[in-house]
Amino acid sequence: MLLSDLLPATIAWQPAERDVVLLAGTREDLPVIETVLATLPAKARGRVFVEVETDAEVGELAAPGRVCVTWLVRQRGQELRRSVDAWVSEMLPVSFDREHRLYAWIAGSGTAHALTSD
């Protein structure tokens, strides 16, 4: 079975081997997030943000060891967009010596794509 058989065509998940990955969505996006996580290599690095309404909706996601999963609870004032923006600004610093790169899929933004510090 191919990844394209499991994911909507609009995601087009194709990160480069060295890309840091970012997945962000709500509880409704968990099937896509779980499928992508299942296809990541063991040495993948990155972050997953999942926004839910209450603590009762927080669950477990299987992810490679260097991919951190963060559950954001709206009842506590935690927001997906604010968390993603803060993380991206930290991961893509302006640097003169090298380019920083990450590969992201954020629910509602359409296809997955690379983001760079250039």
C-alpha atoms as a PDB file:
ATOM      1  CA  MET A   1       0.000   0.000   0.000  1.00  0.00           C
ATOM      2  CA  LEU A   2       1.265   3.476  -0.865  1.00  0.00           C
ATOM      3  CA  LEU A   3       1.089   6.551   1.347  1.00  0.00           C
ATOM      4  CA  SER A   4      -0.913   8.214  -1.421  1.00  0.00           C
ATOM      5  CA  ASP A   5      -3.581   5.523  -0.918  1.00  0.00           C
ATOM      6  CA  LEU A   6      -4.034   6.655   2.695  1.00  0.00           C
ATOM      7  CA  LEU A   7      -3.673  10.426   2.526  1.00  0.00           C
ATOM      8  CA  PRO A   8      -5.770  12.957   0.685  1.00  0.00           C
ATOM      9  CA  ALA A   9      -4.038  13.986  -2.533  1.00  0.00           C
ATOM     10  CA  THR A  10      -3.806  17.576  -1.326  1.00  0.00           C
ATOM     11  CA  ILE A  11      -1.238  16.737   1.333  1.00  0.00           C
ATOM     12  CA  ALA A  12       1.517  15.466  -0.989  1.00  0.00           C
ATOM     13  CA  TRP A  13       3.813  14.569   1.934  1.00  0.00           C
ATOM     14  CA  GLN A  14       7.386  14.476   0.581  1.00  0.00           C
ATOM     15  CA  PRO A  15       9.936  15.855   3.057  1.00  0.00           C
ATOM     16  CA  ALA A  16      13.644  15.646   2.285  1.00  0.00           C
ATOM     17  CA  GLU A  17      15.685  13.279   4.459  1.00  0.00           C
ATOM     18  CA  ARG A  18      17.195  16.091   6.568  1.00  0.00           C
ATOM     19  CA  ASP A  19      14.026  18.169   6.975  1.00  0.00           C
ATOM     20  CA  VAL A  20      12.648  18.846  10.432  1.00  0.00           C
ATOM     21  CA  VAL A  21       8.936  18.016  10.211  1.00  0.00           C
ATOM     22  CA  LEU A  22       5.918  19.863  11.558  1.00  0.00           C
ATOM     23  CA  LEU A  23       2.375  18.508  11.673  1.00  0.00           C
ATOM     24  CA  ALA A  24      -0.390  20.651  13.133  1.00  0.00           C
ATOM     25  CA  GLY A  25      -4.128  20.156  13.339  1.00  0.00           C
ATOM     26  CA  THR A  26      -7.154  19.534  15.480  1.00  0.00           C
ATOM     27  CA  ARG A  27      -8.722  16.329  16.752  1.00  0.00           C
ATOM     28  CA  GLU A  28     -10.519  16.006  13.403  1.00  0.00           C
ATOM     29  CA  ASP A  29      -7.139  15.841  11.639  1.00  0.00           C
ATOM     30  CA  LEU A  30      -5.815  12.935  13.729  1.00  0.00           C
ATOM     31  CA  PRO A  31      -6.256  10.296  10.991  1.00  0.00           C
ATOM     32  CA  VAL A  32      -3.961  12.271   8.675  1.00  0.00           C
ATOM     33  CA  ILE A  33      -1.457  13.034  11.442  1.00  0.00           C
ATOM     34  CA  GLU A  34      -1.358   9.400  12.599  1.00  0.00           C
ATOM     35  CA  THR A  35      -0.841   8.169   9.033  1.00  0.00           C
ATOM     36  CA  VAL A  36       2.034  10.570   8.394  1.00  0.00           C
ATOM     37  CA  LEU A  37       3.659   9.699  11.735  1.00  0.00           C
ATOM     38  CA  ALA A  38       3.472   6.006  10.874  1.00  0.00           C
ATOM     39  CA  THR A  39       5.465   6.626   7.696  1.00  0.00           C
ATOM     40  CA  LEU A  40       8.264   8.689   9.243  1.00  0.00           C
ATOM     41  CA  PRO A  41      11.676   7.055   9.579  1.00  0.00           C
ATOM     42  CA  ALA A  42      12.937   6.309  13.097  1.00  0.00           C
ATOM     43  CA  LYS A  43      15.525   9.097  12.829  1.00  0.00           C
ATOM     44  CA  ALA A  44      12.949  11.788  11.914  1.00  0.00           C
ATOM     45  CA  ARG A  45      13.004  15.026  13.932  1.00  0.00           C
ATOM     46  CA  GLY A  46      10.188  17.475  14.486  1.00  0.00           C
ATOM     47  CA  ARG A  47       7.026  18.510  16.265  1.00  0.00           C
ATOM     48  CA  VAL A  48       3.339  17.642  16.222  1.00  0.00           C
ATOM     49  CA  PHE A  49       0.697  19.998  17.605  1.00  0.00           C
ATOM     50  CA  VAL A  50      -2.859  18.749  18.146  1.00  0.00           C
ATOM     51  CA  GLU A  51      -5.510  21.161  19.396  1.00  0.00           C
ATOM     52  CA  VAL A  52      -8.437  19.727  21.370  1.00  0.00           C
ATOM     53  CA  GLU A  53     -11.267  21.299  23.357  1.00  0.00           C
ATOM     54  CA  THR A  54     -10.820  19.552  26.736  1.00  0.00           C
ATOM     55  CA  ASP A  55      -8.291  17.511  28.705  1.00  0.00           C
ATOM     56  CA  ALA A  56     -10.503  14.460  28.179  1.00  0.00           C
ATOM     57  CA  GLU A  57      -9.646  14.515  24.449  1.00  0.00           C
ATOM     58  CA  VAL A  58      -5.887  14.298  24.997  1.00  0.00           C
ATOM     59  CA  GLY A  59      -4.553  10.938  23.865  1.00  0.00           C
ATOM     60  CA  GLU A  60      -1.376   9.231  22.802  1.00  0.00           C
ATOM     61  CA  LEU A  61       0.241   9.321  19.395  1.00  0.00           C
ATOM     62  CA  ALA A  62       2.980   6.952  18.314  1.00  0.00           C
ATOM     63  CA  ALA A  63       5.865   9.016  16.934  1.00  0.00           C
ATOM     64  CA  PRO A  64       9.587   8.554  16.312  1.00  0.00           C
ATOM     65  CA  GLY A  65      11.719   9.321  19.370  1.00  0.00           C
ATOM     66  CA  ARG A  66      12.843  12.753  18.163  1.00  0.00           C
ATOM     67  CA  VAL A  67       9.356  13.913  17.187  1.00  0.00           C
ATOM     68  CA  CYS A  68       7.663  15.679  20.098  1.00  0.00           C
ATOM     69  CA  VAL A  69       3.874  15.547  20.347  1.00  0.00           C
ATOM     70  CA  THR A  70       2.173  18.488  22.070  1.00  0.00           C
ATOM     71  CA  TRP A  71      -1.525  18.499  22.935  1.00  0.00           C
ATOM     72  CA  LEU A  72      -3.045  21.983  23.134  1.00  0.00           C
ATOM     73  CA  VAL A  73      -6.227  22.339  25.202  1.00  0.00           C
ATOM     74  CA  ARG A  74      -8.507  25.238  24.249  1.00  0.00           C
ATOM     75  CA  GLN A  75     -10.116  25.285  27.725  1.00  0.00           C
ATOM     76  CA  ARG A  76      -6.685  26.238  29.086  1.00  0.00           C
ATOM     77  CA  GLY A  77      -6.293  29.037  26.536  1.00  0.00           C
ATOM     78  CA  GLN A  78      -3.826  27.116  24.375  1.00  0.00           C
ATOM     79  CA  GLU A  79      -4.095  27.834  20.652  1.00  0.00           C
ATOM     80  CA  LEU A  80      -2.787  25.968  17.643  1.00  0.00           C
ATOM     81  CA  ARG A  81      -1.870  28.996  15.521  1.00  0.00           C
ATOM     82  CA  ARG A  82      -0.015  30.783  18.314  1.00  0.00           C
ATOM     83  CA  SER A  83       1.936  27.632  19.230  1.00  0.00           C
ATOM     84  CA  VAL A  84       2.856  26.878  15.612  1.00  0.00           C
ATOM     85  CA  ASP A  85       3.968  30.466  14.988  1.00  0.00           C
ATOM     86  CA  ALA A  86       6.192  30.452  18.080  1.00  0.00           C
ATOM     87  CA  TRP A  87       7.756  27.094  17.214  1.00  0.00           C
ATOM     88  CA  VAL A  88       8.383  28.032  13.581  1.00  0.00           C
ATOM     89  CA  SER A  89      10.028  31.318  14.572  1.00  0.00           C
ATOM     90  CA  GLU A  90      12.370  29.372  16.849  1.00  0.00           C
ATOM     91  CA  MET A  91      13.157  26.671  14.281  1.00  0.00           C
ATOM     92  CA  LEU A  92      13.768  29.060  11.374  1.00  0.00           C
ATOM     93  CA  PRO A  93      16.162  31.657  12.791  1.00  0.00           C
ATOM     94  CA  VAL A  94      17.847  34.084  10.449  1.00  0.00           C
ATOM     95  CA  SER A  95      21.428  32.860  10.238  1.00  0.00           C
ATOM     96  CA  PHE A  96      24.367  33.872   8.100  1.00  0.00           C
ATOM     97  CA  ASP A  97      26.192  30.549   8.179  1.00  0.00           C
ATOM     98  CA  ARG A  98      23.473  28.122   7.045  1.00  0.00           C
ATOM     99  CA  GLU A  99      19.917  27.725   5.876  1.00  0.00           C
ATOM    100  CA  HIS A 100      17.384  26.293   8.310  1.00  0.00           C
ATOM    101  CA  ARG A 101      14.608  24.193   6.797  1.00  0.00           C
ATOM    102  CA  LEU A 102      11.485  22.418   7.924  1.00  0.00           C
ATOM    103  CA  TYR A 103       8.723  20.562   6.136  1.00  0.00           C
ATOM    104  CA  ALA A 104       5.224  21.317   7.346  1.00  0.00           C
ATOM    105  CA  TRP A 105       1.612  20.333   7.033  1.00  0.00           C
ATOM    106  CA  ILE A 106      -0.799  22.568   8.921  1.00  0.00           C
ATOM    107  CA  ALA A 107      -4.479  21.675   8.758  1.00  0.00           C
ATOM    108  CA  GLY A 108      -6.450  24.091   6.612  1.00  0.00           C
ATOM    109  CA  SER A 109      -3.384  25.319   4.739  1.00  0.00           C
ATOM    110  CA  GLY A 110      -3.657  22.839   1.874  1.00  0.00           C
ATOM    111  CA  THR A 111      -0.583  20.968   0.739  1.00  0.00           C
ATOM    112  CA  ALA A 112       2.492  20.191   2.772  1.00  0.00           C
ATOM    113  CA  HIS A 113       5.475  22.359   1.909  1.00  0.00           C
ATOM    114  CA  ALA A 114       9.021  23.272   2.858  1.00  0.00           C
ATOM    115  CA  LEU A 115       9.752  26.421   4.834  1.00  0.00           C
ATOM    116  CA  THR A 116      13.260  27.911   4.962  1.00  0.00           C
ATOM    117  CA  SER A 117      15.030  30.674   6.830  1.00  0.00           C
ATOM    118  CA  ASP A 118      16.169  32.295   3.568  1.00  0.00           C
END
